[in-house]
Amino acid sequence: MTGKEALSPLDEVLPALVDLAESSPLREVCGLVLESRGEGALEPIPVENEAEEPARAFQMNPLQVLRILRRAEEEGRAVVAIYHSHPDGRPSLSRRDLAEMTADGSPLFPGVDLWVLGLWRGKVVEVRAYRFAGSGFVEAMRRTGPFTAGARLSGRASPSPRIFSERDPGFRLRPPGRPMYTRPVERRAAGRRGTGTRPAPAGGYMDNHPQPGFIVWLTGMNRAGKSTLASLLSARLASIGRTVELFDEDGAAKLLLEGLGPGKDDHARAVARLGYVARAVMRAGGVAVCAALSPYRDARETLRREARRFLEVFVDCGMEELVRRDAGGIYKRALAGELKEVPGVDVPYEPPVHADVTVHTDQISAEESVRRVYQAMVDARYIAPVEFGRLTGGQRPRRSRPKKSARGGARRDRGARAAARKAPRRANLRGAKAAKRRR
């Protein structure tokens, strides 16, 4: 690269990225790169890494990401790239990197590049830029060090671009492992006392995460009441001391859905993006309350499998009531053929088959609806009965009924015990023989 060539976006911001990566050589640093203001350079904005193993993976703080996206929207700027560092090796993509940047083979941030900085002994030695194309990320640019102050950047394009995806059989997987938390353990061996170490249980000790997080996903047609219930749920859970984040696709979370249309693939991407930040909140021990149309069942089931601690709430409402609530006239225009691709009218809305709880907002009040959601949380053991009482003003949760198979098994056990009581008892032959010998 000669001095007469125009600098690429990566080259413009590379010195600042090198400083950020070398300032924390023992953990992965991450953040976003925004467009320049006027004639200024690109602006890298660091984001807190919330990964459980920050030396091996990166997990951007979703709240910081939302604030950055909101600010970028207000200033009319776009996100150019997402950057992070690898403090223990080459800047190749790992499976964990792909898990943070893709969902079901699609990028979470379309049109945004991924820049990876590789460090060796605390110094950046190589930087690679990846771009999503087709089925995975393709290496688009490579820069090699040393990156010292005032030194000319050396660089070259990758001679044979390689697609990085989880389906690639030659994909380089960084060695798995958990940090070794050790504590002294007294033990006896060979007749003497010694001191050894042993690893803590996977995931850390229980006192580090006294309240595991979970996701509450409210799905339903437009004007069914998802936003109202989500606001009530999040406010009351926060009032009892829970860490709660509300992601309403009609509210602040709308920033995550920019550039998406009404098609089926875009609806799946919307679920993946909201699920991305929701899972980050869940892993941090918080409760993510998400209100989203999410009309297709496959996308919701995929998120359920990924999150595991997932409570699906089906907010149901009759069409007559939906039309009455629709101040914007979406349903009237769709029924008249003036508006296309409206879920539930000319394109399908696939209701959940196995929802954790279903609330009919045209038949019961909002208070009763949220109470039923709290009951579902107790049944799933996401909250304690004591918390249910605090949420409902002193009410007690109903005891969950056992399944039919369990009730049938209990009846069979009771019948077996009754038959055993009615059966004649066998004589105590040992006692009779002993008494005969005494005589």
Protein backbone atom coordinates (compact mmCIF):
# COMPACT_ATOMS: atom_id res chain seq x y z
CA MET A 1 0.00 0.00 0.00
CA THR A 2 1.55 3.27 -1.10
CA GLY A 3 0.99 6.68 0.35
CA LYS A 4 -0.93 7.77 -2.74
CA GLU A 5 -3.63 5.12 -2.25
CA ALA A 6 -6.81 6.14 -0.55
CA LEU A 7 -7.03 4.71 2.92
CA SER A 8 -9.68 2.07 3.51
CA PRO A 9 -12.05 2.44 6.49
CA LEU A 10 -9.97 -0.14 8.37
CA ASP A 11 -6.74 1.76 7.79
CA GLU A 12 -8.29 5.04 8.93
CA VAL A 13 -9.24 3.71 12.35
CA LEU A 14 -6.54 1.05 12.76
CA PRO A 15 -4.19 3.06 15.06
CA ALA A 16 -7.02 3.70 17.50
CA LEU A 17 -8.08 0.03 17.43
CA VAL A 18 -4.52 -1.10 18.09
CA ASP A 19 -4.32 1.16 21.15
CA LEU A 20 -7.63 -0.21 22.48
CA ALA A 21 -6.58 -3.85 21.97
CA GLU A 22 -3.13 -3.43 23.53
CA SER A 23 -4.58 -1.60 26.54
CA SER A 24 -6.26 -4.89 27.63
CA PRO A 25 -3.97 -7.67 26.36
CA LEU A 26 -5.46 -10.38 28.63
CA ARG A 27 -9.08 -10.12 27.50
CA GLU A 28 -10.97 -9.60 24.29
CA VAL A 29 -11.98 -6.00 23.70
CA CYS A 30 -14.96 -5.28 21.47
CA GLY A 31 -17.03 -2.41 20.17
CA LEU A 32 -18.63 -0.70 17.21
CA VAL A 33 -17.18 1.60 14.56
CA LEU A 34 -19.45 4.43 13.43
CA GLU A 35 -19.29 6.63 10.36
CA SER A 36 -17.29 9.81 10.62
CA ARG A 37 -18.83 13.16 11.49
CA GLY A 38 -18.27 15.36 8.51
CA GLU A 39 -14.64 15.06 7.40
CA GLY A 40 -13.39 13.42 10.57
CA ALA A 41 -12.11 9.87 10.93
CA LEU A 42 -14.24 6.89 11.83
CA GLU A 43 -15.13 6.66 15.49
CA PRO A 44 -14.49 3.40 17.38
CA ILE A 45 -16.74 3.09 20.43
CA PRO A 46 -15.73 0.44 22.99
CA VAL A 47 -18.47 -1.80 24.42
CA GLU A 48 -18.20 -3.77 27.63
CA ASN A 49 -17.39 -7.46 27.15
CA GLU A 50 -19.86 -9.49 29.25
CA ALA A 51 -18.67 -12.96 28.20
CA GLU A 52 -18.20 -15.53 30.96
CA GLU A 53 -14.67 -16.14 29.63
CA PRO A 54 -13.54 -12.72 28.35
CA ALA A 55 -10.11 -14.12 27.46
CA ARG A 56 -11.68 -16.53 24.94
CA ALA A 57 -14.90 -14.89 23.71
CA PHE A 58 -16.70 -11.58 23.39
CA GLN A 59 -20.28 -10.72 24.29
CA MET A 60 -21.22 -7.08 23.79
CA ASN A 61 -23.35 -5.42 26.46
CA PRO A 62 -26.78 -5.14 24.79
CA LEU A 63 -27.76 -1.97 26.64
CA GLN A 64 -24.63 -0.18 25.49
CA VAL A 65 -25.25 -1.38 21.94
CA LEU A 66 -28.79 0.00 22.05
CA ARG A 67 -27.58 3.36 23.31
CA ILE A 68 -24.95 3.55 20.59
CA LEU A 69 -27.48 2.64 17.90
CA ARG A 70 -29.91 5.23 19.24
CA ARG A 71 -27.24 7.91 19.19
CA ALA A 72 -26.17 6.91 15.68
CA GLU A 73 -29.76 7.18 14.48
CA GLU A 74 -30.14 10.65 16.00
CA GLU A 75 -26.90 11.81 14.34
CA GLY A 76 -27.67 10.17 11.01
CA ARG A 77 -24.66 7.86 11.10
CA ALA A 78 -24.41 4.15 10.31
CA VAL A 79 -22.41 1.32 11.85
CA VAL A 80 -19.46 0.43 9.63
CA ALA A 81 -17.97 -2.52 11.51
CA ILE A 82 -17.82 -4.51 14.72
CA TYR A 83 -14.34 -5.11 16.10
CA HIS A 84 -12.86 -7.41 18.72
CA SER A 85 -9.45 -8.78 19.61
CA HIS A 86 -7.94 -12.24 20.07
CA PRO A 87 -5.35 -11.96 22.84
CA ASP A 88 -4.11 -15.53 22.44
CA GLY A 89 -3.55 -16.10 18.74
CA ARG A 90 -4.21 -15.29 15.10
CA PRO A 91 -7.21 -13.20 14.08
CA SER A 92 -9.13 -16.15 12.61
CA LEU A 93 -12.85 -16.52 13.23
CA SER A 94 -13.87 -19.00 15.91
CA ARG A 95 -17.21 -20.72 16.40
CA ARG A 96 -17.91 -18.37 19.28
CA ASP A 97 -17.35 -15.39 16.99
CA LEU A 98 -19.82 -16.80 14.49
CA ALA A 99 -22.35 -17.46 17.25
CA GLU A 100 -22.22 -13.79 18.20
CA MET A 101 -22.50 -12.50 14.65
CA THR A 102 -24.90 -14.91 12.91
CA ALA A 103 -28.20 -16.65 13.51
CA ASP A 104 -29.46 -19.50 11.31
CA GLY A 105 -26.82 -18.72 8.72
CA SER A 106 -27.76 -15.01 8.42
CA PRO A 107 -25.82 -12.03 9.81
CA LEU A 108 -27.29 -10.27 12.82
CA PHE A 109 -26.03 -6.94 11.45
CA PRO A 110 -26.39 -7.01 7.64
CA GLY A 111 -23.87 -4.90 5.77
CA VAL A 112 -21.58 -4.54 8.80
CA ASP A 113 -18.02 -5.86 8.57
CA LEU A 114 -16.23 -7.80 11.30
CA TRP A 115 -12.67 -6.75 12.17
CA VAL A 116 -10.48 -9.05 14.26
CA LEU A 117 -7.17 -8.03 15.83
CA GLY A 118 -4.66 -10.76 16.75
CA LEU A 119 -2.21 -10.15 19.60
CA TRP A 120 1.03 -11.90 20.47
CA ARG A 121 2.70 -11.14 23.80
CA GLY A 122 0.46 -8.14 24.26
CA LYS A 123 1.11 -6.57 20.85
CA VAL A 124 -1.11 -6.52 17.78
CA VAL A 125 0.62 -8.46 15.02
CA GLU A 126 -2.16 -8.94 12.47
CA VAL A 127 -5.59 -7.53 11.65
CA ARG A 128 -8.19 -9.11 9.36
CA ALA A 129 -11.43 -7.75 7.98
CA TYR A 130 -14.29 -10.14 7.22
CA ARG A 131 -17.43 -9.51 5.20
CA PHE A 132 -20.54 -11.67 5.02
CA ALA A 133 -21.13 -13.06 1.53
CA GLY A 134 -23.48 -15.86 0.64
CA SER A 135 -23.12 -18.61 3.24
CA GLY A 136 -20.56 -17.13 5.62
CA PHE A 137 -17.88 -14.56 6.35
CA VAL A 138 -15.18 -14.02 3.72
CA GLU A 139 -11.79 -12.55 4.50
CA ALA A 140 -11.72 -9.27 2.61
CA MET A 141 -8.54 -7.61 3.87
CA ARG A 142 -5.47 -8.34 5.94
CA ARG A 143 -2.95 -6.04 7.61
CA THR A 144 0.26 -7.19 9.23
CA GLY A 145 2.39 -5.42 11.81
CA PRO A 146 4.36 -4.09 13.46
CA PHE A 147 1.88 -1.34 14.30
CA THR A 148 4.08 1.26 15.96
CA ALA A 149 3.56 4.98 16.20
CA GLY A 150 4.49 6.66 12.93
CA ALA A 151 5.21 3.37 11.16
CA ARG A 152 3.80 2.80 7.68
CA LEU A 153 1.09 0.16 7.58
CA SER A 154 1.94 -2.90 5.55
CA GLY A 155 -0.94 -4.81 4.09
CA ARG A 156 -2.25 -7.03 1.38
CA ALA A 157 -5.51 -8.48 0.27
CA SER A 158 -6.09 -12.12 1.03
CA PRO A 159 -4.87 -14.08 -2.03
CA SER A 160 -7.50 -16.80 -1.64
CA PRO A 161 -10.59 -15.59 0.21
CA ARG A 162 -11.97 -18.29 2.47
CA ILE A 163 -15.55 -18.62 3.68
CA PHE A 164 -15.81 -19.02 7.44
CA SER A 165 -18.96 -20.81 8.56
CA GLU A 166 -19.84 -23.47 11.10
CA ARG A 167 -20.49 -25.93 8.27
CA ASP A 168 -16.88 -25.68 7.08
CA PRO A 169 -15.21 -29.04 7.91
CA GLY A 170 -11.80 -27.36 8.07
CA PHE A 171 -12.95 -24.65 10.44
CA ARG A 172 -10.42 -23.86 13.16
CA LEU A 173 -12.03 -24.29 16.55
CA ARG A 174 -10.26 -22.55 19.35
CA PRO A 175 -9.54 -25.01 22.17
CA PRO A 176 -12.49 -25.18 24.56
CA GLY A 177 -12.06 -24.90 28.28
CA ARG A 178 -13.23 -23.16 31.40
CA PRO A 179 -11.23 -20.89 33.69
CA MET A 180 -9.77 -22.84 36.58
CA TYR A 181 -11.18 -21.45 39.79
CA THR A 182 -9.22 -23.07 42.60
CA ARG A 183 -9.59 -23.20 46.33
CA PRO A 184 -7.62 -25.13 48.99
CA VAL A 185 -9.05 -28.53 49.94
CA GLU A 186 -7.85 -30.49 52.94
CA ARG A 187 -7.34 -34.18 52.26
CA ARG A 188 -5.62 -37.19 53.74
CA ALA A 189 -3.25 -39.21 51.61
CA ALA A 190 -0.66 -41.79 52.73
CA GLY A 191 -1.37 -41.02 56.37
CA ARG A 192 -0.68 -37.28 56.24
CA ARG A 193 -2.64 -34.11 55.61
CA GLY A 194 -1.98 -32.07 52.50
CA THR A 195 -3.40 -29.20 50.56
CA GLY A 196 -4.55 -29.51 46.99
CA THR A 197 -6.67 -27.65 44.50
CA ARG A 198 -9.73 -28.62 42.57
CA PRO A 199 -11.79 -26.79 39.97
CA ALA A 200 -15.04 -25.11 40.88
CA PRO A 201 -18.27 -26.42 39.35
CA ALA A 202 -18.96 -25.37 35.76
CA GLY A 203 -20.53 -21.96 35.65
CA GLY A 204 -19.05 -20.78 38.94
CA TYR A 205 -20.41 -21.05 42.46
CA MET A 206 -24.09 -20.51 43.17
CA ASP A 207 -23.56 -17.43 45.28
CA ASN A 208 -22.21 -15.64 42.20
CA HIS A 209 -25.59 -15.96 40.41
CA PRO A 210 -28.31 -16.25 43.05
CA GLN A 211 -31.07 -15.43 40.54
CA PRO A 212 -30.68 -17.02 37.10
CA GLY A 213 -32.16 -15.04 34.25
CA PHE A 214 -34.79 -16.03 31.71
CA ILE A 215 -36.66 -14.69 28.68
CA VAL A 216 -40.36 -13.82 28.52
CA TRP A 217 -41.43 -13.76 24.87
CA LEU A 218 -44.85 -12.26 24.11
CA THR A 219 -46.12 -13.10 20.64
CA GLY A 220 -49.43 -12.21 19.03
CA MET A 221 -51.02 -10.24 16.24
CA ASN A 222 -50.88 -6.46 15.98
CA ARG A 223 -53.04 -4.63 18.56
CA ALA A 224 -53.44 -7.78 20.67
CA GLY A 225 -51.94 -6.06 23.73
CA LYS A 226 -48.35 -7.29 23.78
CA SER A 227 -46.81 -3.90 24.57
CA THR A 228 -49.24 -3.24 27.42
CA LEU A 229 -48.58 -6.59 29.09
CA ALA A 230 -44.83 -6.32 28.54
CA SER A 231 -44.74 -2.90 30.23
CA LEU A 232 -46.69 -4.20 33.23
CA LEU A 233 -44.54 -7.31 33.55
CA SER A 234 -41.24 -5.44 33.35
CA ALA A 235 -42.30 -2.69 35.77
CA ARG A 236 -43.50 -5.09 38.45
CA LEU A 237 -40.58 -7.47 38.15
CA ALA A 238 -38.27 -4.48 38.57
CA SER A 239 -40.23 -3.38 41.65
CA ILE A 240 -39.34 -6.60 43.50
CA GLY A 241 -35.63 -6.25 42.78
CA ARG A 242 -35.25 -8.18 39.56
CA THR A 243 -32.98 -6.83 36.83
CA VAL A 244 -35.35 -6.38 33.88
CA GLU A 245 -34.91 -5.14 30.34
CA LEU A 246 -37.88 -4.44 28.06
CA PHE A 247 -37.46 -5.05 24.32
CA ASP A 248 -40.57 -3.87 22.50
CA GLU A 249 -40.39 -3.92 18.71
CA ASP A 250 -42.66 -0.89 18.68
CA GLY A 251 -40.45 0.93 21.21
CA ALA A 252 -36.73 1.40 21.77
CA ALA A 253 -35.90 -2.06 20.36
CA LYS A 254 -37.11 -0.85 16.98
CA LEU A 255 -33.52 0.26 16.36
CA LEU A 256 -32.47 -3.37 16.16
CA LEU A 257 -34.93 -4.03 13.35
CA GLU A 258 -33.82 -1.33 10.93
CA GLY A 259 -33.66 -2.40 7.32
CA LEU A 260 -36.04 -5.34 7.76
CA GLY A 261 -39.20 -5.74 5.73
CA PRO A 262 -42.45 -7.71 6.10
CA GLY A 263 -41.15 -10.90 4.46
CA LYS A 264 -40.78 -14.23 6.23
CA ASP A 265 -36.97 -14.14 6.20
CA ASP A 266 -36.96 -10.63 7.66
CA HIS A 267 -39.35 -11.71 10.43
CA ALA A 268 -36.93 -14.54 11.26
CA ARG A 269 -34.04 -12.05 11.37
CA ALA A 270 -36.06 -9.81 13.70
CA VAL A 271 -36.53 -12.71 16.13
CA ALA A 272 -32.83 -13.54 15.90
CA ARG A 273 -31.74 -9.95 16.62
CA LEU A 274 -34.08 -9.50 19.56
CA GLY A 275 -33.12 -12.94 20.82
CA TYR A 276 -29.45 -12.00 20.62
CA VAL A 277 -29.76 -9.15 23.09
CA ALA A 278 -32.33 -11.04 25.18
CA ARG A 279 -29.96 -13.98 25.65
CA ALA A 280 -27.21 -11.56 26.69
CA VAL A 281 -29.48 -10.15 29.41
CA MET A 282 -30.44 -13.67 30.48
CA ARG A 283 -26.81 -14.78 30.76
CA ALA A 284 -26.12 -11.78 32.97
CA GLY A 285 -28.86 -12.91 35.39
CA GLY A 286 -31.57 -10.51 34.20
CA VAL A 287 -35.06 -10.96 32.87
CA ALA A 288 -35.61 -10.01 29.23
CA VAL A 289 -39.23 -9.17 28.43
CA CYS A 290 -39.72 -9.14 24.64
CA ALA A 291 -42.88 -8.04 22.83
CA ALA A 292 -42.69 -9.00 19.17
CA LEU A 293 -45.11 -9.97 16.43
CA SER A 294 -42.91 -12.97 15.45
CA PRO A 295 -45.59 -14.57 13.27
CA TYR A 296 -43.65 -17.69 12.26
CA ARG A 297 -43.34 -20.66 14.55
CA ASP A 298 -39.94 -21.92 13.35
CA ALA A 299 -38.11 -18.75 14.39
CA ARG A 300 -39.65 -18.82 17.86
CA GLU A 301 -38.83 -22.50 18.36
CA THR A 302 -35.24 -21.89 17.28
CA LEU A 303 -34.90 -19.17 19.90
CA ARG A 304 -36.46 -21.45 22.53
CA ARG A 305 -33.87 -24.14 21.83
CA GLU A 306 -31.01 -21.62 22.00
CA ALA A 307 -32.19 -19.86 25.17
CA ARG A 308 -33.63 -22.87 27.08
CA ARG A 309 -34.90 -20.69 29.92
CA PHE A 310 -37.67 -19.35 27.73
CA LEU A 311 -41.30 -18.54 28.61
CA GLU A 312 -43.55 -18.13 25.59
CA VAL A 313 -46.72 -16.09 26.12
CA PHE A 314 -49.37 -16.20 23.40
CA VAL A 315 -51.36 -12.95 23.50
CA ASP A 316 -54.59 -13.89 21.72
CA CYS A 317 -57.43 -11.60 20.66
CA GLY A 318 -60.40 -11.90 18.30
CA MET A 319 -60.37 -10.14 14.95
CA GLU A 320 -63.36 -7.95 15.78
CA GLU A 321 -61.59 -6.56 18.83
CA LEU A 322 -58.34 -6.14 16.88
CA VAL A 323 -60.15 -4.06 14.26
CA ARG A 324 -61.81 -1.97 16.97
CA ARG A 325 -58.45 -1.25 18.64
CA ASP A 326 -56.68 -0.49 15.37
CA ALA A 327 -56.49 3.30 15.34
CA GLY A 328 -54.24 3.31 12.28
CA GLY A 329 -56.64 1.27 10.20
CA ILE A 330 -54.11 -1.44 9.29
CA TYR A 331 -56.64 -4.26 9.39
CA LYS A 332 -59.34 -2.34 7.55
CA ARG A 333 -56.95 -1.49 4.74
CA ALA A 334 -55.63 -5.06 4.63
CA LEU A 335 -59.16 -6.54 4.53
CA ALA A 336 -60.00 -4.11 1.73
CA GLY A 337 -56.93 -5.22 -0.24
CA GLU A 338 -55.15 -1.87 0.05
CA LEU A 339 -52.32 -3.19 2.25
CA LYS A 340 -50.34 -6.36 1.64
CA GLU A 341 -48.38 -8.79 3.82
CA VAL A 342 -50.30 -8.18 7.04
CA PRO A 343 -49.96 -11.24 9.33
CA GLY A 344 -53.30 -12.80 10.06
CA VAL A 345 -54.99 -11.33 6.98
CA ASP A 346 -53.24 -12.12 3.69
CA VAL A 347 -50.17 -13.87 5.16
CA PRO A 348 -50.38 -16.44 7.94
CA TYR A 349 -49.81 -15.89 11.62
CA GLU A 350 -48.73 -19.20 13.12
CA PRO A 351 -49.89 -19.36 16.76
CA PRO A 352 -47.75 -21.32 19.22
CA VAL A 353 -48.58 -25.00 19.52
CA HIS A 354 -47.13 -25.42 23.00
CA ALA A 355 -47.20 -21.96 24.54
CA ASP A 356 -46.34 -21.80 28.23
CA VAL A 357 -49.36 -19.58 28.83
CA THR A 358 -52.16 -18.18 26.65
CA VAL A 359 -54.02 -15.00 27.60
CA HIS A 360 -57.15 -13.83 25.78
CA THR A 361 -56.98 -10.08 26.14
CA ASP A 362 -60.48 -9.62 24.68
CA GLN A 363 -61.93 -11.72 27.51
CA ILE A 364 -59.86 -10.95 30.61
CA SER A 365 -58.29 -7.81 32.02
CA ALA A 366 -54.62 -6.88 31.83
CA GLU A 367 -54.24 -7.53 35.57
CA GLU A 368 -55.55 -11.07 35.23
CA SER A 369 -53.35 -11.62 32.18
CA VAL A 370 -50.14 -10.68 33.97
CA ARG A 371 -51.19 -12.78 37.00
CA ARG A 372 -51.44 -15.82 34.73
CA VAL A 373 -48.00 -15.06 33.35
CA TYR A 374 -46.61 -14.90 36.90
CA GLN A 375 -48.26 -18.26 37.60
CA ALA A 376 -46.51 -19.71 34.54
CA MET A 377 -43.20 -18.36 35.87
CA VAL A 378 -43.81 -20.18 39.16
CA ASP A 379 -44.74 -23.40 37.36
CA ALA A 380 -41.52 -23.17 35.33
CA ARG A 381 -39.58 -22.38 38.55
CA TYR A 382 -38.28 -19.10 37.17
CA ILE A 383 -39.58 -17.19 40.19
CA ALA A 384 -40.32 -18.32 43.74
CA PRO A 385 -43.82 -18.41 45.30
CA VAL A 386 -42.70 -15.63 47.62
CA GLU A 387 -41.99 -13.44 44.62
CA PHE A 388 -45.41 -14.30 43.19
CA GLY A 389 -46.98 -12.95 46.37
CA ARG A 390 -45.02 -9.73 46.13
CA LEU A 391 -45.99 -9.31 42.48
CA THR A 392 -49.71 -9.93 43.06
CA GLY A 393 -50.23 -8.11 46.35
CA GLY A 394 -50.14 -11.11 48.68
CA GLN A 395 -51.87 -13.76 46.57
CA ARG A 396 -50.70 -17.34 46.63
CA PRO A 397 -49.88 -19.27 43.46
CA ARG A 398 -51.98 -22.33 42.76
CA ARG A 399 -50.23 -25.64 43.02
CA SER A 400 -49.44 -27.06 39.61
CA ARG A 401 -51.41 -30.22 38.88
CA PRO A 402 -49.34 -33.32 38.12
CA LYS A 403 -49.52 -34.81 34.69
CA LYS A 404 -52.03 -37.55 33.89
CA SER A 405 -49.34 -40.21 33.79
CA ALA A 406 -48.11 -39.11 37.21
CA ARG A 407 -51.63 -39.16 38.66
CA GLY A 408 -52.23 -42.64 37.19
CA GLY A 409 -48.96 -43.87 38.64
CA ALA A 410 -49.90 -42.48 42.06
CA ARG A 411 -53.24 -44.32 41.93
CA ARG A 412 -51.49 -47.56 41.01
CA ASP A 413 -49.10 -47.14 43.92
CA ARG A 414 -51.96 -46.55 46.34
CA GLY A 415 -53.74 -49.66 45.02
CA ALA A 416 -50.63 -51.77 45.48
CA ARG A 417 -50.22 -50.58 49.06
CA ALA A 418 -53.87 -51.34 49.86
CA ALA A 419 -53.56 -54.85 48.42
CA ALA A 420 -50.44 -55.46 50.49
CA ARG A 421 -52.29 -54.46 53.67
CA LYS A 422 -55.16 -56.88 52.92
CA ALA A 423 -52.85 -59.84 52.15
CA PRO A 424 -52.38 -62.35 55.03
CA ARG A 425 -49.16 -61.87 56.91
CA ARG A 426 -46.56 -64.58 56.80
CA ALA A 427 -45.77 -66.25 60.10
CA ASN A 428 -42.60 -65.29 61.87
CA LEU A 429 -40.91 -68.67 61.56
CA ARG A 430 -37.65 -67.50 63.11
CA GLY A 431 -39.43 -66.28 66.23
CA ALA A 432 -41.44 -69.53 66.51
CA LYS A 433 -38.29 -71.67 66.29
CA ALA A 434 -36.59 -69.63 68.97
CA ALA A 435 -39.55 -69.98 71.32
CA LYS A 436 -39.61 -73.76 70.76
CA ARG A 437 -35.93 -74.05 71.66
CA ARG A 438 -36.47 -72.07 74.85
CA ARG A 439 -39.18 -74.52 75.87
